[in-house]
Amino acid sequence: MVELGNTLAYGRSPTYSMESSSVSDLARAVGARAIEITKPGEILELDLAALSAKEPLVLDVRTEFAIQVSDRRIGFIGKSGPARSIN
């Protein structure tokens, strides 16, 4: 998914594959709690405040590689500015 997003947003993609990487494993390795989201609506069922109260929380949202993001969404990402922390 990273490769596809980079190509759509920036016209280029990394030369390495990200398909087999695990955000959850990386998060756990550095001491965060990780939750894998695999179905629509799962995030809504979580009490994010409680889950992140005592330790960092990473949501690993699994996406379908074949589904492409709309051009409208890509345009929004480019205009949204740098990422911000919610804490």
N, C-alpha and C. Protein backbone atom coordinates (compact mmCIF):
# COMPACT_ATOMS: atom_id res chain seq x y z
N MET A 1 0.82 -1.19 0.00
CA MET A 1 0.00 0.00 0.00
C MET A 1 0.86 1.25 0.00
N VAL A 2 1.97 1.22 0.70
CA VAL A 2 2.87 2.38 0.74
C VAL A 2 3.37 2.69 -0.66
N GLU A 3 3.72 1.65 -1.40
CA GLU A 3 4.23 1.86 -2.75
C GLU A 3 3.18 2.54 -3.62
N LEU A 4 1.95 2.08 -3.56
CA LEU A 4 0.87 2.64 -4.36
C LEU A 4 0.59 4.09 -3.97
N GLY A 5 0.53 4.35 -2.69
CA GLY A 5 0.30 5.72 -2.20
C GLY A 5 1.40 6.67 -2.61
N ASN A 6 2.65 6.23 -2.50
CA ASN A 6 3.76 7.09 -2.92
C ASN A 6 3.70 7.39 -4.41
N THR A 7 3.36 6.40 -5.20
CA THR A 7 3.27 6.60 -6.64
C THR A 7 2.16 7.59 -6.97
N LEU A 8 1.00 7.44 -6.34
CA LEU A 8 -0.11 8.34 -6.60
C LEU A 8 0.17 9.76 -6.12
N ALA A 9 0.74 9.89 -4.93
CA ALA A 9 0.96 11.21 -4.34
C ALA A 9 2.19 11.92 -4.88
N TYR A 10 3.26 11.18 -5.13
CA TYR A 10 4.53 11.81 -5.46
C TYR A 10 5.08 11.42 -6.83
N GLY A 11 4.43 10.48 -7.50
CA GLY A 11 4.90 10.06 -8.81
C GLY A 11 6.10 9.13 -8.77
N ARG A 12 6.41 8.62 -7.60
CA ARG A 12 7.53 7.68 -7.47
C ARG A 12 7.24 6.75 -6.30
N SER A 13 8.01 5.68 -6.23
CA SER A 13 7.81 4.69 -5.18
C SER A 13 9.17 4.21 -4.69
N PRO A 14 9.25 3.78 -3.43
CA PRO A 14 10.51 3.22 -2.94
C PRO A 14 10.92 2.00 -3.77
N THR A 15 12.20 1.73 -3.81
CA THR A 15 12.69 0.57 -4.57
C THR A 15 12.57 -0.72 -3.77
N TYR A 16 12.12 -0.65 -2.54
CA TYR A 16 11.96 -1.83 -1.71
C TYR A 16 10.46 -2.06 -1.46
N SER A 17 10.10 -3.29 -1.19
CA SER A 17 8.71 -3.63 -0.94
C SER A 17 8.39 -3.46 0.54
N MET A 18 7.21 -2.98 0.83
CA MET A 18 6.73 -2.85 2.21
C MET A 18 5.66 -3.88 2.52
N GLU A 19 5.35 -4.75 1.55
CA GLU A 19 4.25 -5.69 1.71
C GLU A 19 4.39 -6.61 2.91
N SER A 20 5.58 -7.05 3.22
CA SER A 20 5.75 -8.02 4.30
C SER A 20 6.10 -7.37 5.64
N SER A 21 6.15 -6.05 5.71
CA SER A 21 6.50 -5.40 6.97
C SER A 21 5.31 -5.43 7.92
N SER A 22 5.60 -5.42 9.21
CA SER A 22 4.56 -5.46 10.22
C SER A 22 4.69 -4.25 11.14
N VAL A 23 3.76 -3.34 11.00
CA VAL A 23 3.75 -2.16 11.85
C VAL A 23 3.52 -2.59 13.30
N SER A 24 2.68 -3.58 13.50
CA SER A 24 2.40 -4.07 14.86
C SER A 24 3.66 -4.62 15.54
N ASP A 25 4.41 -5.42 14.82
CA ASP A 25 5.65 -5.97 15.39
C ASP A 25 6.64 -4.87 15.74
N LEU A 26 6.77 -3.89 14.87
CA LEU A 26 7.67 -2.77 15.14
C LEU A 26 7.22 -2.00 16.37
N ALA A 27 5.93 -1.73 16.46
CA ALA A 27 5.40 -1.00 17.62
C ALA A 27 5.67 -1.75 18.92
N ARG A 28 5.41 -3.04 18.91
CA ARG A 28 5.66 -3.84 20.12
C ARG A 28 7.14 -3.88 20.48
N ALA A 29 7.98 -3.91 19.48
CA ALA A 29 9.44 -3.97 19.71
C ALA A 29 9.96 -2.72 20.41
N VAL A 30 9.27 -1.60 20.24
CA VAL A 30 9.71 -0.37 20.90
C VAL A 30 8.84 -0.02 22.11
N GLY A 31 8.03 -0.99 22.56
CA GLY A 31 7.30 -0.83 23.81
C GLY A 31 5.90 -0.28 23.72
N ALA A 32 5.34 -0.20 22.54
CA ALA A 32 3.96 0.30 22.40
C ALA A 32 2.98 -0.88 22.35
N ARG A 33 1.76 -0.59 22.66
CA ARG A 33 0.70 -1.57 22.45
C ARG A 33 0.25 -1.44 21.01
N ALA A 34 0.01 -2.55 20.35
CA ALA A 34 -0.42 -2.52 18.95
C ALA A 34 -1.71 -3.29 18.78
N ILE A 35 -2.61 -2.71 18.04
CA ILE A 35 -3.88 -3.37 17.72
C ILE A 35 -4.02 -3.37 16.20
N GLU A 36 -4.28 -4.55 15.67
CA GLU A 36 -4.47 -4.68 14.23
C GLU A 36 -5.95 -4.51 13.89
N ILE A 37 -6.23 -3.59 13.00
CA ILE A 37 -7.59 -3.33 12.54
C ILE A 37 -7.73 -4.00 11.17
N THR A 38 -8.64 -4.96 11.07
CA THR A 38 -8.77 -5.71 9.82
C THR A 38 -10.12 -5.54 9.13
N LYS A 39 -11.11 -4.97 9.85
CA LYS A 39 -12.45 -4.84 9.27
C LYS A 39 -12.97 -3.42 9.48
N PRO A 40 -13.79 -2.94 8.55
CA PRO A 40 -14.41 -1.62 8.74
C PRO A 40 -15.21 -1.59 10.05
N GLY A 41 -15.11 -0.51 10.76
CA GLY A 41 -15.87 -0.35 11.99
C GLY A 41 -15.16 -0.78 13.25
N GLU A 42 -14.09 -1.54 13.15
CA GLU A 42 -13.40 -2.02 14.36
C GLU A 42 -12.86 -0.88 15.22
N ILE A 43 -12.40 0.18 14.59
CA ILE A 43 -11.87 1.31 15.37
C ILE A 43 -12.96 1.90 16.26
N LEU A 44 -14.16 1.97 15.72
CA LEU A 44 -15.27 2.56 16.47
C LEU A 44 -15.61 1.77 17.74
N GLU A 45 -15.26 0.51 17.78
CA GLU A 45 -15.54 -0.34 18.93
C GLU A 45 -14.51 -0.20 20.05
N LEU A 46 -13.41 0.48 19.77
CA LEU A 46 -12.32 0.59 20.74
C LEU A 46 -12.48 1.81 21.63
N ASP A 47 -12.08 1.68 22.88
CA ASP A 47 -12.00 2.82 23.79
C ASP A 47 -10.56 3.33 23.71
N LEU A 48 -10.29 4.19 22.74
CA LEU A 48 -8.92 4.62 22.47
C LEU A 48 -8.30 5.37 23.65
N ALA A 49 -9.08 6.14 24.36
CA ALA A 49 -8.54 6.87 25.52
C ALA A 49 -8.04 5.90 26.58
N ALA A 50 -8.82 4.88 26.89
CA ALA A 50 -8.41 3.90 27.90
C ALA A 50 -7.23 3.07 27.41
N LEU A 51 -7.25 2.67 26.15
CA LEU A 51 -6.17 1.84 25.62
C LEU A 51 -4.83 2.57 25.58
N SER A 52 -4.87 3.87 25.42
CA SER A 52 -3.62 4.63 25.31
C SER A 52 -3.26 5.39 26.59
N ALA A 53 -4.00 5.15 27.67
CA ALA A 53 -3.76 5.90 28.91
C ALA A 53 -2.43 5.58 29.57
N LYS A 54 -1.97 4.33 29.50
CA LYS A 54 -0.77 3.93 30.23
C LYS A 54 0.43 3.64 29.35
N GLU A 55 0.22 3.52 28.05
CA GLU A 55 1.32 3.23 27.14
C GLU A 55 0.97 3.73 25.75
N PRO A 56 1.98 3.95 24.93
CA PRO A 56 1.70 4.37 23.55
C PRO A 56 0.86 3.31 22.84
N LEU A 57 0.00 3.76 21.96
CA LEU A 57 -0.88 2.87 21.23
C LEU A 57 -0.70 3.09 19.74
N VAL A 58 -0.51 2.00 19.00
CA VAL A 58 -0.41 2.06 17.54
C VAL A 58 -1.54 1.23 16.96
N LEU A 59 -2.30 1.84 16.05
CA LEU A 59 -3.34 1.11 15.33
C LEU A 59 -2.77 0.75 13.96
N ASP A 60 -2.66 -0.54 13.73
CA ASP A 60 -2.16 -1.06 12.45
C ASP A 60 -3.39 -1.36 11.60
N VAL A 61 -3.76 -0.41 10.75
CA VAL A 61 -4.97 -0.55 9.94
C VAL A 61 -4.60 -1.27 8.66
N ARG A 62 -5.08 -2.50 8.54
CA ARG A 62 -4.79 -3.33 7.37
C ARG A 62 -5.67 -2.89 6.21
N THR A 63 -5.07 -2.75 5.06
CA THR A 63 -5.80 -2.32 3.87
C THR A 63 -5.61 -3.33 2.75
N GLU A 64 -6.48 -3.30 1.82
CA GLU A 64 -6.40 -4.17 0.65
C GLU A 64 -5.52 -3.50 -0.38
N PHE A 65 -4.41 -4.16 -0.72
CA PHE A 65 -3.43 -3.57 -1.63
C PHE A 65 -4.03 -3.21 -2.98
N ALA A 66 -4.99 -3.98 -3.46
CA ALA A 66 -5.54 -3.76 -4.80
C ALA A 66 -6.48 -2.57 -4.87
N ILE A 67 -6.97 -2.09 -3.73
CA ILE A 67 -7.91 -0.97 -3.74
C ILE A 67 -7.11 0.33 -3.84
N GLN A 68 -7.46 1.15 -4.80
CA GLN A 68 -6.74 2.40 -5.01
C GLN A 68 -7.48 3.56 -4.35
N VAL A 69 -6.70 4.48 -3.82
CA VAL A 69 -7.23 5.69 -3.22
C VAL A 69 -7.63 6.64 -4.34
N SER A 70 -8.73 7.35 -4.14
CA SER A 70 -9.19 8.27 -5.17
C SER A 70 -8.22 9.44 -5.33
N ASP A 71 -8.21 10.02 -6.51
CA ASP A 71 -7.37 11.19 -6.77
C ASP A 71 -7.75 12.34 -5.84
N ARG A 72 -9.03 12.44 -5.51
CA ARG A 72 -9.49 13.50 -4.61
C ARG A 72 -8.85 13.35 -3.23
N ARG A 73 -8.76 12.13 -2.73
CA ARG A 73 -8.15 11.88 -1.42
C ARG A 73 -6.65 12.19 -1.46
N ILE A 74 -5.99 11.79 -2.53
CA ILE A 74 -4.55 12.07 -2.66
C ILE A 74 -4.30 13.57 -2.64
N GLY A 75 -5.14 14.33 -3.33
CA GLY A 75 -5.02 15.79 -3.32
C GLY A 75 -5.18 16.36 -1.93
N PHE A 76 -6.11 15.80 -1.15
CA PHE A 76 -6.33 16.25 0.22
C PHE A 76 -5.11 15.96 1.09
N ILE A 77 -4.51 14.80 0.92
CA ILE A 77 -3.33 14.43 1.71
C ILE A 77 -2.21 15.43 1.46
N GLY A 78 -2.00 15.79 0.22
CA GLY A 78 -0.94 16.74 -0.11
C GLY A 78 -1.16 18.12 0.48
N LYS A 79 -2.43 18.52 0.69
CA LYS A 79 -2.76 19.85 1.20
C LYS A 79 -2.90 19.90 2.71
N SER A 80 -2.91 18.74 3.35
CA SER A 80 -3.23 18.71 4.79
C SER A 80 -2.07 19.14 5.68
N GLY A 81 -0.89 19.24 5.15
CA GLY A 81 0.26 19.70 5.94
C GLY A 81 0.90 18.57 6.72
N PRO A 82 1.88 18.89 7.55
CA PRO A 82 2.60 17.85 8.30
C PRO A 82 1.71 17.18 9.34
N ALA A 83 2.04 15.94 9.66
CA ALA A 83 1.30 15.19 10.66
C ALA A 83 1.47 15.85 12.02
N ARG A 84 0.43 15.73 12.85
CA ARG A 84 0.47 16.31 14.19
C ARG A 84 0.15 15.23 15.22
N SER A 85 0.70 15.37 16.39
CA SER A 85 0.42 14.46 17.48
C SER A 85 -0.92 14.84 18.10
N ILE A 86 -1.70 13.85 18.52
CA ILE A 86 -2.98 14.15 19.16
C ILE A 86 -2.86 14.27 20.68
N ASN A 87 -1.66 14.05 21.22
CA ASN A 87 -1.50 14.13 22.68
C ASN A 87 -1.20 15.52 23.11
